[in-house]
Amino acid sequence: MQKNSSKNIQNKKVFITGASSGIGLALCERYLKEGWKVIGLARDISKIPNSTKDNKNFEFIKTDLSNFETSRSIIDDVFKKNKDINTFILNAGIYTPDSFNNFNFRNAEKTFSTNVLSIYLILELVNLNFDFNSNLTLAIMSSTAGYKGLPRSVLYGPSKAALINLAESIKSENHENLNIKLICPGFVETPATRVNDFKMPYLMSANKAASIIFDKIYKKGFEITFPFPFNSIMKFGKILPYKLYFKFTKKKFSKK
């Protein structure tokens, strides 16, 4: 079992997807601050601040994860050259606030390609290149939106629900030396959430989210979820009768 503090980790090298903005960028900056070597994967390096790009411990990898053939080749090469990676944070994702009456299949295909299938692609490459008996940390970024259906989330919510189930499935296989973490944030200030036209309860900064994740990722436990009490409210929603749950979502997620 992996020890409970990042200070005890011998090879401090982390692989983070979705590294150009939001929680992904904030995690890159936090790990760099803690003295780690960071491999950040994203589509656009121009979004990353110079202070991060110019850090000698930061390596940027450019790819669009929805392009599976290209990404497979690029990531496989990265893994072969960096056998000392200790931590994988699979954070990349897109958010399109579509509702039932305005979504289209193209958006659905892009959402599931990026949010779900790209995760499977990376997991396959981790399996091929790394030994799970060497105390690896594998974190999958889902969302409290995956707990249960929400308004204007006919694409994003189901994709995140799939990741919750995926992380639970991996954890249930009892890989003794694999520190598997499911991360389920609530509303975080990111370019994605800025498009929402409703009041976002308990909205927090990406830096705060990254701090919580870093502080908990090497400790005991399976799920990292925040902020309180929003995460508890959403978990409670999972056991509410549907009639009450739909009243709750109508009240909490009405437009501004």
Protein backbone atom coordinates (compact mmCIF):
# COMPACT_ATOMS: atom_id res chain seq x y z
CA MET A 1 0.00 0.00 0.00
CA GLN A 2 1.28 3.43 -0.91
CA LYS A 3 2.42 5.55 2.02
CA ASN A 4 0.18 8.39 3.11
CA SER A 5 2.32 11.41 2.30
CA SER A 6 3.82 12.76 -0.92
CA LYS A 7 7.00 13.40 1.09
CA ASN A 8 7.55 9.64 1.22
CA ILE A 9 7.37 9.16 -2.57
CA GLN A 10 10.73 8.44 -4.15
CA ASN A 11 10.02 9.38 -7.76
CA LYS A 12 8.21 12.69 -7.75
CA LYS A 13 6.99 12.83 -11.33
CA VAL A 14 3.34 13.36 -12.23
CA PHE A 15 1.43 13.08 -15.51
CA ILE A 16 -1.57 15.43 -15.72
CA THR A 17 -4.05 15.72 -18.61
CA GLY A 18 -6.11 18.84 -19.26
CA ALA A 19 -3.12 20.85 -18.10
CA SER A 20 -3.81 24.16 -19.83
CA SER A 21 -6.65 25.52 -17.69
CA GLY A 22 -8.87 25.02 -14.67
CA ILE A 23 -8.07 22.32 -12.15
CA GLY A 24 -5.49 20.72 -14.45
CA LEU A 25 -3.38 23.87 -14.67
CA ALA A 26 -3.79 24.57 -10.96
CA LEU A 27 -2.60 21.03 -10.19
CA CYS A 28 0.45 21.48 -12.43
CA GLU A 29 1.35 24.66 -10.57
CA ARG A 30 0.81 23.05 -7.16
CA TYR A 31 2.97 20.04 -7.98
CA LEU A 32 5.72 22.28 -9.35
CA LYS A 33 5.58 24.33 -6.17
CA GLU A 34 6.07 21.13 -4.18
CA GLY A 35 9.20 20.26 -6.18
CA TRP A 36 7.73 17.63 -8.49
CA LYS A 37 8.53 17.11 -12.15
CA VAL A 38 5.33 17.64 -14.11
CA ILE A 39 4.33 16.34 -17.53
CA GLY A 40 1.29 18.34 -18.60
CA LEU A 41 -0.80 17.25 -21.56
CA ALA A 42 -3.23 19.58 -23.34
CA ARG A 43 -4.20 20.95 -26.74
CA ASP A 44 -2.98 24.54 -26.39
CA ILE A 45 0.24 25.66 -24.70
CA SER A 46 -0.62 29.34 -25.23
CA LYS A 47 -3.07 29.18 -22.32
CA ILE A 48 -0.34 28.17 -19.87
CA PRO A 49 1.36 31.07 -18.01
CA ASN A 50 5.02 31.70 -18.80
CA SER A 51 5.92 31.09 -15.15
CA THR A 52 4.73 27.52 -15.59
CA LYS A 53 6.00 26.94 -19.12
CA ASP A 54 9.46 28.23 -18.21
CA ASN A 55 9.79 26.07 -15.11
CA LYS A 56 12.61 23.59 -15.68
CA ASN A 57 10.54 20.84 -14.08
CA PHE A 58 7.61 21.29 -16.48
CA GLU A 59 7.26 19.42 -19.77
CA PHE A 60 4.34 20.18 -22.09
CA ILE A 61 2.87 17.51 -24.35
CA LYS A 62 0.50 18.70 -27.09
CA THR A 63 -2.33 16.49 -28.30
CA ASP A 64 -6.08 16.45 -28.74
CA LEU A 65 -7.24 13.44 -26.74
CA SER A 66 -10.28 12.98 -28.97
CA ASN A 67 -7.84 12.11 -31.79
CA PHE A 68 -7.16 8.59 -30.59
CA GLU A 69 -4.56 7.44 -33.11
CA THR A 70 -2.34 10.49 -32.68
CA SER A 71 -2.77 10.55 -28.90
CA ARG A 72 -1.96 6.85 -28.58
CA SER A 73 1.37 7.32 -30.33
CA ILE A 74 2.28 10.48 -28.42
CA ILE A 75 1.33 9.21 -24.95
CA ASP A 76 2.92 5.81 -25.48
CA ASP A 77 6.17 7.56 -26.40
CA VAL A 78 5.93 9.76 -23.27
CA PHE A 79 5.40 6.74 -21.05
CA LYS A 80 8.27 4.80 -22.59
CA LYS A 81 10.60 7.74 -21.95
CA ASN A 82 9.33 8.38 -18.40
CA LYS A 83 9.19 5.06 -16.60
CA ASP A 84 9.64 6.92 -13.31
CA ILE A 85 6.19 8.54 -13.41
CA ASN A 86 4.58 7.91 -10.03
CA THR A 87 1.24 9.66 -10.37
CA PHE A 88 -1.32 9.84 -13.19
CA ILE A 89 -4.11 12.42 -12.91
CA LEU A 90 -6.59 11.91 -15.73
CA ASN A 91 -8.28 15.28 -15.61
CA ALA A 92 -9.01 16.29 -19.21
CA GLY A 93 -12.63 16.87 -20.05
CA ILE A 94 -15.01 19.13 -21.90
CA TYR A 95 -18.32 20.57 -20.81
CA THR A 96 -21.18 21.46 -23.13
CA PRO A 97 -24.26 22.61 -21.17
CA ASP A 98 -26.75 20.94 -23.50
CA SER A 99 -30.31 20.09 -22.54
CA PHE A 100 -32.53 17.42 -24.06
CA ASN A 101 -34.17 19.80 -26.51
CA ASN A 102 -31.00 21.30 -27.99
CA PHE A 103 -28.21 18.71 -27.90
CA ASN A 104 -26.85 17.05 -31.02
CA PHE A 105 -25.05 13.79 -31.65
CA ARG A 106 -21.82 15.51 -32.69
CA ASN A 107 -21.54 17.14 -29.25
CA ALA A 108 -22.37 13.81 -27.59
CA GLU A 109 -19.67 12.04 -29.60
CA LYS A 110 -17.07 14.68 -28.76
CA THR A 111 -17.99 14.70 -25.06
CA PHE A 112 -17.72 10.94 -24.64
CA SER A 113 -14.59 10.73 -26.79
CA THR A 114 -12.78 13.26 -24.61
CA ASN A 115 -14.31 12.58 -21.20
CA VAL A 116 -14.55 8.79 -21.28
CA LEU A 117 -12.87 6.99 -24.18
CA SER A 118 -9.63 8.97 -23.89
CA ILE A 119 -9.42 7.80 -20.26
CA TYR A 120 -9.63 4.19 -21.41
CA LEU A 121 -6.93 4.86 -23.99
CA ILE A 122 -4.56 6.22 -21.34
CA LEU A 123 -5.40 3.41 -18.92
CA GLU A 124 -4.50 0.86 -21.58
CA LEU A 125 -1.15 2.58 -22.11
CA VAL A 126 -0.52 2.73 -18.35
CA ASN A 127 -1.19 -1.01 -18.21
CA LEU A 128 1.26 -1.67 -21.04
CA ASN A 129 4.07 0.53 -19.72
CA PHE A 130 3.94 0.42 -15.92
CA ASP A 131 3.94 -2.10 -13.12
CA PHE A 132 1.02 -1.76 -10.72
CA ASN A 133 3.14 -3.39 -8.03
CA SER A 134 5.37 -0.30 -7.87
CA ASN A 135 3.08 1.94 -5.77
CA LEU A 136 1.49 4.02 -8.50
CA THR A 137 -1.21 6.63 -7.90
CA LEU A 138 -3.99 6.74 -10.49
CA ALA A 139 -6.58 9.51 -10.13
CA ILE A 140 -9.67 9.82 -12.31
CA MET A 141 -11.38 13.21 -12.41
CA SER A 142 -15.14 12.84 -12.37
CA SER A 143 -17.66 15.29 -10.88
CA THR A 144 -20.54 15.52 -8.45
CA ALA A 145 -22.57 15.95 -11.66
CA GLY A 146 -22.03 12.23 -12.14
CA TYR A 147 -23.89 11.30 -8.97
CA LYS A 148 -27.32 11.79 -10.50
CA GLY A 149 -28.95 13.52 -13.48
CA LEU A 150 -28.99 17.33 -13.49
CA PRO A 151 -30.66 19.95 -15.70
CA ARG A 152 -28.71 20.93 -18.86
CA SER A 153 -26.32 18.04 -18.31
CA VAL A 154 -27.53 15.37 -20.72
CA LEU A 155 -23.97 14.99 -22.05
CA TYR A 156 -21.58 15.97 -19.27
CA GLY A 157 -23.34 14.23 -16.37
CA PRO A 158 -23.60 10.80 -18.00
CA SER A 159 -19.94 10.98 -19.08
CA LYS A 160 -18.88 11.69 -15.50
CA ALA A 161 -21.18 8.98 -14.15
CA ALA A 162 -19.31 6.52 -16.39
CA LEU A 163 -16.01 7.59 -14.80
CA ILE A 164 -17.37 7.05 -11.28
CA ASN A 165 -18.35 3.52 -12.25
CA LEU A 166 -14.97 2.97 -13.94
CA ALA A 167 -12.98 4.07 -10.87
CA GLU A 168 -15.17 1.91 -8.62
CA SER A 169 -14.61 -1.08 -10.89
CA ILE A 170 -10.83 -0.67 -10.81
CA LYS A 171 -10.87 -0.22 -7.04
CA SER A 172 -13.03 -3.31 -6.57
CA GLU A 173 -10.33 -5.44 -8.22
CA ASN A 174 -8.13 -4.90 -5.15
CA HIS A 175 -4.82 -3.91 -6.72
CA GLU A 176 -2.93 -3.75 -3.42
CA ASN A 177 -0.15 -1.44 -4.56
CA LEU A 178 -2.29 0.85 -6.72
CA ASN A 179 -3.53 4.01 -5.04
CA ILE A 180 -6.72 4.59 -7.02
CA LYS A 181 -8.52 7.87 -6.40
CA LEU A 182 -11.89 9.05 -7.64
CA ILE A 183 -12.10 12.88 -7.65
CA CYS A 184 -15.57 14.45 -7.67
CA PRO A 185 -15.49 18.25 -7.42
CA GLY A 186 -18.56 20.43 -7.29
CA PHE A 187 -18.63 23.78 -9.09
CA VAL A 188 -15.13 25.16 -9.71
CA GLU A 189 -14.22 28.44 -11.42
CA THR A 190 -13.00 27.33 -14.84
CA PRO A 191 -13.53 28.42 -18.46
CA ALA A 192 -16.11 25.64 -18.71
CA THR A 193 -18.31 26.75 -15.80
CA ARG A 194 -18.32 30.39 -16.94
CA VAL A 195 -20.90 29.49 -19.58
CA ASN A 196 -23.47 28.46 -16.96
CA ASP A 197 -26.51 30.74 -16.73
CA PHE A 198 -27.57 29.60 -13.27
CA LYS A 199 -26.24 30.31 -9.80
CA MET A 200 -23.58 27.74 -8.96
CA PRO A 201 -23.79 26.74 -5.28
CA TYR A 202 -20.55 26.83 -3.26
CA LEU A 203 -18.43 27.85 -6.26
CA MET A 204 -14.69 27.63 -5.47
CA SER A 205 -11.46 28.60 -7.21
CA ALA A 206 -9.37 26.14 -9.21
CA ASN A 207 -6.41 26.79 -6.90
CA LYS A 208 -8.48 25.84 -3.87
CA ALA A 209 -9.65 22.68 -5.61
CA ALA A 210 -6.08 21.75 -6.53
CA SER A 211 -4.97 22.31 -2.93
CA ILE A 212 -7.65 19.96 -1.61
CA ILE A 213 -6.74 17.29 -4.17
CA PHE A 214 -3.01 17.51 -3.47
CA ASP A 215 -3.56 17.35 0.27
CA LYS A 216 -5.69 14.18 0.00
CA ILE A 217 -4.42 12.25 -3.01
CA TYR A 218 -1.69 10.37 -1.11
CA LYS A 219 -3.75 9.73 2.00
CA LYS A 220 -6.06 6.83 2.76
CA GLY A 221 -9.47 6.72 1.18
CA PHE A 222 -10.94 6.26 -2.28
CA GLU A 223 -12.96 9.37 -3.12
CA ILE A 224 -11.92 13.01 -2.95
CA THR A 225 -15.07 15.12 -3.10
CA PHE A 226 -15.74 18.78 -2.32
CA PRO A 227 -16.91 21.39 -1.44
CA PHE A 228 -18.82 20.64 1.72
CA PRO A 229 -21.79 20.80 2.11
CA PHE A 230 -22.59 20.73 -1.63
CA ASN A 231 -21.01 17.30 -2.10
CA SER A 232 -23.04 15.92 0.81
CA ILE A 233 -26.23 17.42 -0.62
CA MET A 234 -25.54 15.79 -3.99
CA LYS A 235 -24.77 12.44 -2.37
CA PHE A 236 -28.00 12.68 -0.39
CA GLY A 237 -29.78 13.30 -3.69
CA LYS A 238 -28.77 9.80 -4.79
CA ILE A 239 -31.10 8.25 -2.21
CA LEU A 240 -33.98 10.73 -2.44
CA PRO A 241 -37.21 9.57 -4.05
CA TYR A 242 -37.33 10.91 -7.61
CA LYS A 243 -40.27 13.24 -6.86
CA LEU A 244 -38.28 15.05 -4.17
CA TYR A 245 -35.05 14.97 -6.15
CA PHE A 246 -36.59 16.68 -9.18
CA LYS A 247 -38.07 19.39 -6.94
CA PHE A 248 -34.61 19.90 -5.44
CA THR A 249 -32.87 20.25 -8.81
CA LYS A 250 -35.52 22.67 -10.07
CA LYS A 251 -34.96 24.90 -7.04
CA LYS A 252 -31.15 24.70 -6.92
CA PHE A 253 -30.37 24.93 -10.63
CA SER A 254 -32.87 27.47 -11.88
CA LYS A 255 -31.52 30.23 -14.11
CA LYS A 256 -30.05 33.37 -12.54
